[in-house]
């Protein structure tokens, strides 16, 4: 009898957000992650305003994952950020270690778990050059 007899196979579920692998033991393993890059809107552009509203990065990313927007995401031309990413990582989408999804006022970078600790600081650093926040979801 095979060692895995009687165990359900692993299941993959994909929703808006990272793909996850659910093991037979009920553990969730992330296969990919997303990094949201955005600039604060005028209503939330200072720590005092965010504290008063009790706003956290997780609130912004959760709302974005559900609806594609949050009032804290301000107006910005994201094309400069894209150009800077391409200067570092190239323009060939098949050879880069991420997928870039541009939105009118923000960007989402999707990447494999295996490159997370190397990639996120580099991408977030490029974003900071353009005044962008970065938060995973």
C-alpha atoms as a PDB file:
ATOM      1  CA  UNK A   1       0.000   0.000   0.000  1.00  0.00           C
ATOM      2  CA  UNK A   2       1.411   3.467  -0.902  1.00  0.00           C
ATOM      3  CA  UNK A   3       2.567   5.654   1.986  1.00  0.00           C
ATOM      4  CA  UNK A   4       0.032   8.343   1.098  1.00  0.00           C
ATOM      5  CA  UNK A   5      -2.968   6.015   0.833  1.00  0.00           C
ATOM      6  CA  UNK A   6      -6.037   7.460   2.478  1.00  0.00           C
ATOM      7  CA  UNK A   7      -4.726  11.037   2.450  1.00  0.00           C
ATOM      8  CA  UNK A   8      -6.449  13.625   0.298  1.00  0.00           C
ATOM      9  CA  UNK A   9      -4.292  15.191  -2.420  1.00  0.00           C
ATOM     10  CA  UNK A  10      -3.028  18.728  -2.002  1.00  0.00           C
ATOM     11  CA  UNK A  11      -5.407  21.367  -3.277  1.00  0.00           C
ATOM     12  CA  UNK A  12      -4.550  24.679  -4.879  1.00  0.00           C
ATOM     13  CA  UNK A  13      -6.884  27.626  -4.455  1.00  0.00           C
ATOM     14  CA  UNK A  14      -6.390  30.906  -6.243  1.00  0.00           C
ATOM     15  CA  UNK A  15      -8.306  34.041  -5.371  1.00  0.00           C
ATOM     16  CA  UNK A  16      -7.388  37.677  -5.856  1.00  0.00           C
ATOM     17  CA  UNK A  17      -4.149  37.589  -3.982  1.00  0.00           C
ATOM     18  CA  UNK A  18      -1.490  34.977  -3.466  1.00  0.00           C
ATOM     19  CA  UNK A  19      -2.009  31.411  -4.564  1.00  0.00           C
ATOM     20  CA  UNK A  20      -1.928  29.054  -1.618  1.00  0.00           C
ATOM     21  CA  UNK A  21      -1.261  25.372  -1.286  1.00  0.00           C
ATOM     22  CA  UNK A  22      -3.333  23.551   1.310  1.00  0.00           C
ATOM     23  CA  UNK A  23      -1.673  20.436   2.621  1.00  0.00           C
ATOM     24  CA  UNK A  24      -3.473  17.328   3.750  1.00  0.00           C
ATOM     25  CA  UNK A  25      -2.667  18.371   7.325  1.00  0.00           C
ATOM     26  CA  UNK A  26      -4.477  21.672   6.924  1.00  0.00           C
ATOM     27  CA  UNK A  27      -1.364  23.840   6.728  1.00  0.00           C
ATOM     28  CA  UNK A  28      -1.409  26.718   4.266  1.00  0.00           C
ATOM     29  CA  UNK A  29       1.724  27.289   2.225  1.00  0.00           C
ATOM     30  CA  UNK A  30       1.999  30.472   0.191  1.00  0.00           C
ATOM     31  CA  UNK A  31       3.103  29.951  -3.384  1.00  0.00           C
ATOM     32  CA  UNK A  32       3.204  33.644  -4.290  1.00  0.00           C
ATOM     33  CA  UNK A  33       2.815  37.020  -2.664  1.00  0.00           C
ATOM     34  CA  UNK A  34       1.759  40.496  -3.707  1.00  0.00           C
ATOM     35  CA  UNK A  35       3.358  43.826  -2.893  1.00  0.00           C
ATOM     36  CA  UNK A  36       1.132  46.889  -3.173  1.00  0.00           C
ATOM     37  CA  UNK A  37       2.938  50.175  -3.847  1.00  0.00           C
ATOM     38  CA  UNK A  38       1.024  53.435  -3.429  1.00  0.00           C
ATOM     39  CA  UNK A  39       1.248  57.054  -2.272  1.00  0.00           C
ATOM     40  CA  UNK A  40      -0.870  58.377   0.592  1.00  0.00           C
ATOM     41  CA  UNK A  41      -3.861  60.497  -0.382  1.00  0.00           C
ATOM     42  CA  UNK A  42      -4.113  64.020   1.087  1.00  0.00           C
ATOM     43  CA  UNK A  43      -6.582  62.780   3.721  1.00  0.00           C
ATOM     44  CA  UNK A  44      -3.962  60.354   5.105  1.00  0.00           C
ATOM     45  CA  UNK A  45      -0.627  61.975   4.185  1.00  0.00           C
ATOM     46  CA  UNK A  46       0.655  62.460   7.737  1.00  0.00           C
ATOM     47  CA  UNK A  47       1.164  60.073  10.653  1.00  0.00           C
ATOM     48  CA  UNK A  48      -1.233  62.201  12.746  1.00  0.00           C
ATOM     49  CA  UNK A  49      -4.028  61.833  10.171  1.00  0.00           C
ATOM     50  CA  UNK A  50      -3.489  58.074   9.965  1.00  0.00           C
ATOM     51  CA  UNK A  51      -3.395  57.730  13.750  1.00  0.00           C
ATOM     52  CA  UNK A  52      -6.617  59.723  14.118  1.00  0.00           C
ATOM     53  CA  UNK A  53      -8.300  57.429  11.569  1.00  0.00           C
ATOM     54  CA  UNK A  54      -6.656  54.354  13.178  1.00  0.00           C
ATOM     55  CA  UNK A  55      -5.463  53.394   9.695  1.00  0.00           C
ATOM     56  CA  UNK A  56      -2.873  50.679   9.172  1.00  0.00           C
ATOM     57  CA  UNK A  57      -1.144  49.362   6.062  1.00  0.00           C
ATOM     58  CA  UNK A  58      -3.143  46.149   6.411  1.00  0.00           C
ATOM     59  CA  UNK A  59      -6.390  48.118   6.119  1.00  0.00           C
ATOM     60  CA  UNK A  60      -5.238  49.549   2.800  1.00  0.00           C
ATOM     61  CA  UNK A  61      -4.091  46.221   1.365  1.00  0.00           C
ATOM     62  CA  UNK A  62      -7.206  44.356   2.538  1.00  0.00           C
ATOM     63  CA  UNK A  63      -9.530  46.890   0.926  1.00  0.00           C
ATOM     64  CA  UNK A  64      -7.430  46.924  -2.230  1.00  0.00           C
ATOM     65  CA  UNK A  65      -7.553  43.126  -2.458  1.00  0.00           C
ATOM     66  CA  UNK A  66     -11.345  43.213  -2.215  1.00  0.00           C
ATOM     67  CA  UNK A  67     -12.218  46.239  -4.324  1.00  0.00           C
ATOM     68  CA  UNK A  68      -9.093  47.465  -6.118  1.00  0.00           C
ATOM     69  CA  UNK A  69      -9.090  50.733  -4.170  1.00  0.00           C
ATOM     70  CA  UNK A  70      -8.881  52.382  -0.749  1.00  0.00           C
ATOM     71  CA  UNK A  71      -9.426  56.088   0.055  1.00  0.00           C
ATOM     72  CA  UNK A  72      -5.850  56.268   1.396  1.00  0.00           C
ATOM     73  CA  UNK A  73      -4.428  55.558  -2.082  1.00  0.00           C
ATOM     74  CA  UNK A  74      -3.626  58.950  -3.547  1.00  0.00           C
ATOM     75  CA  UNK A  75      -3.061  60.266  -7.040  1.00  0.00           C
ATOM     76  CA  UNK A  76       0.336  59.574  -8.593  1.00  0.00           C
ATOM     77  CA  UNK A  77       1.744  58.912 -12.036  1.00  0.00           C
ATOM     78  CA  UNK A  78       3.111  55.384 -11.652  1.00  0.00           C
ATOM     79  CA  UNK A  79       5.020  55.395 -14.960  1.00  0.00           C
ATOM     80  CA  UNK A  80       8.257  56.655 -13.376  1.00  0.00           C
ATOM     81  CA  UNK A  81       8.230  53.750 -10.949  1.00  0.00           C
ATOM     82  CA  UNK A  82       7.695  51.334 -13.810  1.00  0.00           C
ATOM     83  CA  UNK A  83      10.620  52.818 -15.747  1.00  0.00           C
ATOM     84  CA  UNK A  84      12.878  52.534 -12.698  1.00  0.00           C
ATOM     85  CA  UNK A  85      11.882  48.881 -12.182  1.00  0.00           C
ATOM     86  CA  UNK A  86      12.611  48.155 -15.829  1.00  0.00           C
ATOM     87  CA  UNK A  87      16.011  49.855 -15.556  1.00  0.00           C
ATOM     88  CA  UNK A  88      16.961  47.450 -12.763  1.00  0.00           C
ATOM     89  CA  UNK A  89      15.151  44.246 -13.774  1.00  0.00           C
ATOM     90  CA  UNK A  90      14.769  44.651 -17.543  1.00  0.00           C
ATOM     91  CA  UNK A  91      11.685  44.846 -19.725  1.00  0.00           C
ATOM     92  CA  UNK A  92      11.324  41.144 -20.543  1.00  0.00           C
ATOM     93  CA  UNK A  93       8.370  40.053 -18.437  1.00  0.00           C
ATOM     94  CA  UNK A  94       9.283  36.386 -18.893  1.00  0.00           C
ATOM     95  CA  UNK A  95      12.729  36.675 -17.328  1.00  0.00           C
ATOM     96  CA  UNK A  96      11.940  39.003 -14.418  1.00  0.00           C
ATOM     97  CA  UNK A  97      11.349  37.385 -11.006  1.00  0.00           C
ATOM     98  CA  UNK A  98       7.952  39.095 -10.721  1.00  0.00           C
ATOM     99  CA  UNK A  99       4.821  40.123 -12.577  1.00  0.00           C
ATOM    100  CA  UNK A 100       3.963  43.824 -12.533  1.00  0.00           C
ATOM    101  CA  UNK A 101       0.345  44.944 -12.614  1.00  0.00           C
ATOM    102  CA  UNK A 102      -0.121  48.682 -13.026  1.00  0.00           C
ATOM    103  CA  UNK A 103      -3.194  50.521 -11.789  1.00  0.00           C
ATOM    104  CA  UNK A 104      -3.959  54.233 -12.276  1.00  0.00           C
ATOM    105  CA  UNK A 105      -2.600  55.235  -8.827  1.00  0.00           C
ATOM    106  CA  UNK A 106      -0.655  52.218  -7.636  1.00  0.00           C
ATOM    107  CA  UNK A 107       1.170  49.073  -8.675  1.00  0.00           C
ATOM    108  CA  UNK A 108       1.057  45.439  -7.592  1.00  0.00           C
ATOM    109  CA  UNK A 109       4.113  43.225  -7.849  1.00  0.00           C
ATOM    110  CA  UNK A 110       3.440  39.475  -7.675  1.00  0.00           C
ATOM    111  CA  UNK A 111       6.383  37.177  -6.935  1.00  0.00           C
ATOM    112  CA  UNK A 112       7.209  33.683  -5.803  1.00  0.00           C
ATOM    113  CA  UNK A 113       7.790  32.966  -2.138  1.00  0.00           C
ATOM    114  CA  UNK A 114      11.284  31.759  -3.037  1.00  0.00           C
ATOM    115  CA  UNK A 115      12.451  35.272  -4.070  1.00  0.00           C
ATOM    116  CA  UNK A 116      10.590  37.237  -1.396  1.00  0.00           C
ATOM    117  CA  UNK A 117      13.464  38.196   0.901  1.00  0.00           C
ATOM    118  CA  UNK A 118      15.732  39.257  -1.943  1.00  0.00           C
ATOM    119  CA  UNK A 119      13.140  40.997  -4.122  1.00  0.00           C
ATOM    120  CA  UNK A 120      10.899  42.932  -1.720  1.00  0.00           C
ATOM    121  CA  UNK A 121      13.623  45.201  -0.268  1.00  0.00           C
ATOM    122  CA  UNK A 122      14.832  46.052  -3.774  1.00  0.00           C
ATOM    123  CA  UNK A 123      11.369  46.814  -5.175  1.00  0.00           C
ATOM    124  CA  UNK A 124      10.298  48.717  -2.035  1.00  0.00           C
ATOM    125  CA  UNK A 125      13.528  50.730  -2.207  1.00  0.00           C
ATOM    126  CA  UNK A 126      12.791  51.720  -5.793  1.00  0.00           C
ATOM    127  CA  UNK A 127       9.270  52.654  -4.724  1.00  0.00           C
ATOM    128  CA  UNK A 128      10.582  54.875  -1.913  1.00  0.00           C
ATOM    129  CA  UNK A 129      12.478  56.898  -4.527  1.00  0.00           C
ATOM    130  CA  UNK A 130       9.045  57.895  -5.867  1.00  0.00           C
ATOM    131  CA  UNK A 131       7.432  58.443  -2.462  1.00  0.00           C
ATOM    132  CA  UNK A 132       5.592  55.114  -2.544  1.00  0.00           C
ATOM    133  CA  UNK A 133       4.640  52.938   0.408  1.00  0.00           C
ATOM    134  CA  UNK A 134       4.980  49.183   0.083  1.00  0.00           C
ATOM    135  CA  UNK A 135       2.950  46.516   1.868  1.00  0.00           C
ATOM    136  CA  UNK A 136       2.523  42.811   1.242  1.00  0.00           C
ATOM    137  CA  UNK A 137      -0.826  41.117   0.940  1.00  0.00           C
END
